[in-house]
Amino acid sequence: MILLRSHIGSALRSARISQGRTLRDVAKSARVSLGYLSEVERGQKEASSELLNAICSALEISLGEVLLRVTAQVRTHEAPTLTVVDDAA
C-alpha cells in the first residue's frame, strides 16, 4: 500500500538533509514543533496543506517540487510487475 504521507515525509527529510539543516532549525523557521516535524518526516503524521506550505517555505523549496518528487516515487512503486508464463509447462 502506498502512503502519500511517507513519500512526502521522505522528500522533506531529503531536502532538509541536503541543505545540511537540523530538524530544530527547520521547525523553528516553519513555526511547527520539532516533534511534529519529525513525525511528518517519518510519515507518521499527515501535514495539512497550510503546514506543508510552511515547511516547504522554511526549506525554500516549492510545494510543486515536493509533489513532483513524490509523484516520481509513487510511479516507481506502482510500476506493473510482469510475469512470464511458460505455456509449454
N, C-alpha and C. Protein backbone atom coordinates (compact mmCIF):
# COMPACT_ATOMS: atom_id res chain seq x y z
N MET A 1 0.84 -1.17 0.00
CA MET A 1 0.00 0.00 0.00
C MET A 1 0.89 1.24 0.00
N ILE A 2 0.52 2.21 -0.81
CA ILE A 2 1.29 3.46 -0.91
C ILE A 2 0.68 4.49 0.03
N LEU A 3 1.50 5.01 0.93
CA LEU A 3 1.06 6.08 1.82
C LEU A 3 1.74 7.38 1.38
N LEU A 4 0.93 8.32 0.93
CA LEU A 4 1.50 9.60 0.49
C LEU A 4 2.28 10.28 1.59
N ARG A 5 1.79 10.16 2.83
CA ARG A 5 2.49 10.85 3.92
C ARG A 5 3.92 10.34 4.08
N SER A 6 4.16 9.06 3.80
CA SER A 6 5.51 8.51 3.88
C SER A 6 6.41 9.11 2.80
N HIS A 7 5.88 9.20 1.59
CA HIS A 7 6.66 9.76 0.49
C HIS A 7 6.89 11.26 0.67
N ILE A 8 5.89 11.96 1.16
CA ILE A 8 6.04 13.41 1.40
C ILE A 8 7.09 13.62 2.49
N GLY A 9 7.00 12.86 3.56
CA GLY A 9 7.98 12.97 4.64
C GLY A 9 9.38 12.70 4.17
N SER A 10 9.52 11.68 3.35
CA SER A 10 10.83 11.33 2.81
C SER A 10 11.40 12.45 1.94
N ALA A 11 10.55 13.05 1.12
CA ALA A 11 11.00 14.16 0.26
C ALA A 11 11.41 15.36 1.10
N LEU A 12 10.66 15.65 2.15
CA LEU A 12 11.01 16.78 3.03
C LEU A 12 12.32 16.51 3.76
N ARG A 13 12.47 15.30 4.29
CA ARG A 13 13.70 14.95 5.00
C ARG A 13 14.90 15.03 4.06
N SER A 14 14.75 14.52 2.86
CA SER A 14 15.83 14.56 1.88
C SER A 14 16.25 16.00 1.58
N ALA A 15 15.27 16.88 1.41
CA ALA A 15 15.57 18.29 1.14
C ALA A 15 16.30 18.92 2.33
N ARG A 16 15.83 18.63 3.54
CA ARG A 16 16.45 19.20 4.75
C ARG A 16 17.89 18.72 4.90
N ILE A 17 18.09 17.43 4.73
CA ILE A 17 19.44 16.86 4.89
C ILE A 17 20.38 17.39 3.82
N SER A 18 19.88 17.51 2.59
CA SER A 18 20.74 18.01 1.51
C SER A 18 21.17 19.45 1.76
N GLN A 19 20.38 20.18 2.54
CA GLN A 19 20.72 21.55 2.90
C GLN A 19 21.60 21.62 4.14
N GLY A 20 21.82 20.47 4.78
CA GLY A 20 22.64 20.43 5.99
C GLY A 20 21.97 21.10 7.19
N ARG A 21 20.65 21.07 7.20
CA ARG A 21 19.90 21.74 8.28
C ARG A 21 19.38 20.73 9.28
N THR A 22 19.16 21.20 10.49
CA THR A 22 18.64 20.34 11.56
C THR A 22 17.12 20.43 11.61
N LEU A 23 16.53 19.42 12.23
CA LEU A 23 15.08 19.46 12.47
C LEU A 23 14.70 20.71 13.24
N ARG A 24 15.50 21.03 14.25
CA ARG A 24 15.21 22.19 15.10
C ARG A 24 15.18 23.48 14.28
N ASP A 25 16.14 23.64 13.40
CA ASP A 25 16.23 24.84 12.57
C ASP A 25 15.00 24.98 11.66
N VAL A 26 14.65 23.89 10.98
CA VAL A 26 13.51 23.94 10.05
C VAL A 26 12.20 24.11 10.81
N ALA A 27 12.07 23.42 11.94
CA ALA A 27 10.85 23.55 12.74
C ALA A 27 10.65 24.98 13.21
N LYS A 28 11.74 25.61 13.64
CA LYS A 28 11.66 27.00 14.09
C LYS A 28 11.26 27.91 12.94
N SER A 29 11.87 27.73 11.77
CA SER A 29 11.56 28.56 10.61
C SER A 29 10.11 28.36 10.14
N ALA A 30 9.63 27.12 10.24
CA ALA A 30 8.27 26.80 9.78
C ALA A 30 7.22 27.08 10.85
N ARG A 31 7.69 27.37 12.07
CA ARG A 31 6.80 27.62 13.21
C ARG A 31 5.92 26.41 13.53
N VAL A 32 6.57 25.24 13.52
CA VAL A 32 5.93 24.00 13.96
C VAL A 32 6.82 23.38 15.02
N SER A 33 6.25 22.52 15.83
CA SER A 33 7.07 21.90 16.88
C SER A 33 8.05 20.92 16.25
N LEU A 34 9.17 20.75 16.91
CA LEU A 34 10.20 19.83 16.45
C LEU A 34 9.63 18.42 16.36
N GLY A 35 8.87 18.02 17.36
CA GLY A 35 8.28 16.68 17.38
C GLY A 35 7.32 16.46 16.22
N TYR A 36 6.52 17.48 15.91
CA TYR A 36 5.57 17.37 14.81
C TYR A 36 6.30 17.23 13.49
N LEU A 37 7.32 18.05 13.26
CA LEU A 37 8.09 17.96 12.03
C LEU A 37 8.75 16.59 11.91
N SER A 38 9.26 16.08 12.99
CA SER A 38 9.87 14.75 12.99
C SER A 38 8.85 13.69 12.58
N GLU A 39 7.64 13.78 13.11
CA GLU A 39 6.59 12.82 12.77
C GLU A 39 6.18 12.93 11.30
N VAL A 40 6.15 14.15 10.78
CA VAL A 40 5.82 14.36 9.37
C VAL A 40 6.91 13.72 8.50
N GLU A 41 8.16 13.97 8.84
CA GLU A 41 9.26 13.40 8.07
C GLU A 41 9.27 11.87 8.10
N ARG A 42 8.85 11.29 9.20
CA ARG A 42 8.83 9.83 9.32
C ARG A 42 7.55 9.21 8.76
N GLY A 43 6.65 10.06 8.25
CA GLY A 43 5.41 9.56 7.66
C GLY A 43 4.38 9.14 8.68
N GLN A 44 4.53 9.59 9.93
CA GLN A 44 3.59 9.24 10.98
C GLN A 44 2.43 10.22 11.09
N LYS A 45 2.61 11.42 10.57
CA LYS A 45 1.56 12.45 10.59
C LYS A 45 1.37 12.98 9.18
N GLU A 46 0.13 13.31 8.86
CA GLU A 46 -0.16 13.97 7.59
C GLU A 46 -0.28 15.45 7.87
N ALA A 47 0.58 16.22 7.25
CA ALA A 47 0.56 17.67 7.44
C ALA A 47 -0.59 18.27 6.64
N SER A 48 -1.25 19.25 7.22
CA SER A 48 -2.28 19.98 6.49
C SER A 48 -1.59 20.76 5.37
N SER A 49 -2.37 21.22 4.42
CA SER A 49 -1.78 21.97 3.31
C SER A 49 -1.09 23.23 3.82
N GLU A 50 -1.64 23.86 4.85
CA GLU A 50 -1.02 25.06 5.41
C GLU A 50 0.33 24.75 6.04
N LEU A 51 0.39 23.66 6.82
CA LEU A 51 1.66 23.30 7.45
C LEU A 51 2.66 22.80 6.43
N LEU A 52 2.20 22.09 5.43
CA LEU A 52 3.10 21.63 4.38
C LEU A 52 3.71 22.82 3.65
N ASN A 53 2.90 23.83 3.38
CA ASN A 53 3.42 25.05 2.75
C ASN A 53 4.43 25.75 3.66
N ALA A 54 4.16 25.78 4.96
CA ALA A 54 5.09 26.41 5.90
C ALA A 54 6.43 25.67 5.94
N ILE A 55 6.37 24.36 5.91
CA ILE A 55 7.60 23.56 5.93
C ILE A 55 8.38 23.76 4.64
N CYS A 56 7.67 23.75 3.52
CA CYS A 56 8.33 23.98 2.23
C CYS A 56 8.97 25.37 2.19
N SER A 57 8.27 26.37 2.69
CA SER A 57 8.82 27.73 2.73
C SER A 57 10.08 27.77 3.58
N ALA A 58 10.03 27.09 4.73
CA ALA A 58 11.20 27.06 5.61
C ALA A 58 12.39 26.39 4.92
N LEU A 59 12.09 25.42 4.07
CA LEU A 59 13.15 24.71 3.33
C LEU A 59 13.51 25.43 2.02
N GLU A 60 12.78 26.49 1.72
CA GLU A 60 12.97 27.26 0.50
C GLU A 60 12.86 26.39 -0.75
N ILE A 61 11.86 25.51 -0.73
CA ILE A 61 11.51 24.71 -1.90
C ILE A 61 10.02 24.88 -2.15
N SER A 62 9.62 24.69 -3.37
CA SER A 62 8.20 24.85 -3.67
C SER A 62 7.44 23.57 -3.35
N LEU A 63 6.18 23.73 -3.05
CA LEU A 63 5.32 22.58 -2.83
C LEU A 63 5.27 21.73 -4.10
N GLY A 64 5.27 22.40 -5.25
CA GLY A 64 5.26 21.70 -6.53
C GLY A 64 6.46 20.78 -6.69
N GLU A 65 7.62 21.24 -6.25
CA GLU A 65 8.84 20.43 -6.34
C GLU A 65 8.71 19.18 -5.47
N VAL A 66 8.18 19.36 -4.27
CA VAL A 66 7.98 18.22 -3.37
C VAL A 66 7.01 17.23 -4.01
N LEU A 67 5.92 17.75 -4.56
CA LEU A 67 4.92 16.88 -5.17
C LEU A 67 5.46 16.15 -6.40
N LEU A 68 6.35 16.80 -7.15
CA LEU A 68 6.97 16.12 -8.29
C LEU A 68 7.84 14.95 -7.82
N ARG A 69 8.59 15.16 -6.74
CA ARG A 69 9.41 14.08 -6.18
C ARG A 69 8.54 12.93 -5.71
N VAL A 70 7.45 13.29 -5.04
CA VAL A 70 6.53 12.27 -4.53
C VAL A 70 5.88 11.51 -5.69
N THR A 71 5.50 12.23 -6.73
CA THR A 71 4.90 11.58 -7.90
C THR A 71 5.86 10.57 -8.51
N ALA A 72 7.12 10.93 -8.61
CA ALA A 72 8.12 10.01 -9.16
C ALA A 72 8.24 8.76 -8.29
N GLN A 73 8.24 8.94 -6.98
CA GLN A 73 8.34 7.79 -6.07
C GLN A 73 7.12 6.89 -6.17
N VAL A 74 5.95 7.50 -6.24
CA VAL A 74 4.71 6.72 -6.33
C VAL A 74 4.68 5.94 -7.64
N ARG A 75 5.07 6.58 -8.72
CA ARG A 75 5.09 5.88 -10.02
C ARG A 75 6.01 4.68 -9.98
N THR A 76 7.15 4.81 -9.31
CA THR A 76 8.09 3.70 -9.20
C THR A 76 7.44 2.53 -8.46
N HIS A 77 6.72 2.84 -7.39
CA HIS A 77 6.07 1.80 -6.60
C HIS A 77 4.85 1.21 -7.30
N GLU A 78 4.26 1.97 -8.22
CA GLU A 78 3.09 1.50 -8.94
C GLU A 78 3.43 0.75 -10.22
N ALA A 79 4.69 0.74 -10.59
CA ALA A 79 5.10 0.11 -11.85
C ALA A 79 4.59 -1.33 -11.88
N PRO A 80 3.99 -1.71 -12.98
CA PRO A 80 3.45 -3.07 -13.06
C PRO A 80 4.55 -4.12 -13.01
N THR A 81 4.24 -5.22 -12.41
CA THR A 81 5.16 -6.35 -12.35
C THR A 81 4.73 -7.34 -13.43
N LEU A 82 5.64 -7.65 -14.31
CA LEU A 82 5.33 -8.58 -15.38
C LEU A 82 5.77 -9.98 -15.01
N THR A 83 4.92 -10.92 -15.30
CA THR A 83 5.23 -12.32 -15.01
C THR A 83 5.25 -13.08 -16.32
N VAL A 84 6.30 -13.86 -16.53
CA VAL A 84 6.42 -14.66 -17.74
C VAL A 84 5.74 -16.00 -17.46
N VAL A 85 4.82 -16.34 -18.34
CA VAL A 85 4.11 -17.62 -18.20
C VAL A 85 4.60 -18.55 -19.30
N ASP A 86 5.05 -19.71 -18.90
CA ASP A 86 5.56 -20.69 -19.85
C ASP A 86 4.42 -21.64 -20.23
N ASP A 87 3.89 -21.47 -21.44
CA ASP A 87 2.77 -22.30 -21.91
C ASP A 87 3.19 -23.75 -22.15
N ALA A 88 4.47 -23.99 -22.31
CA ALA A 88 4.96 -25.34 -22.59
C ALA A 88 4.93 -26.25 -21.37
N ALA A 89 4.79 -25.69 -20.23
CA ALA A 89 4.85 -26.48 -18.99
C ALA A 89 3.58 -27.24 -18.71
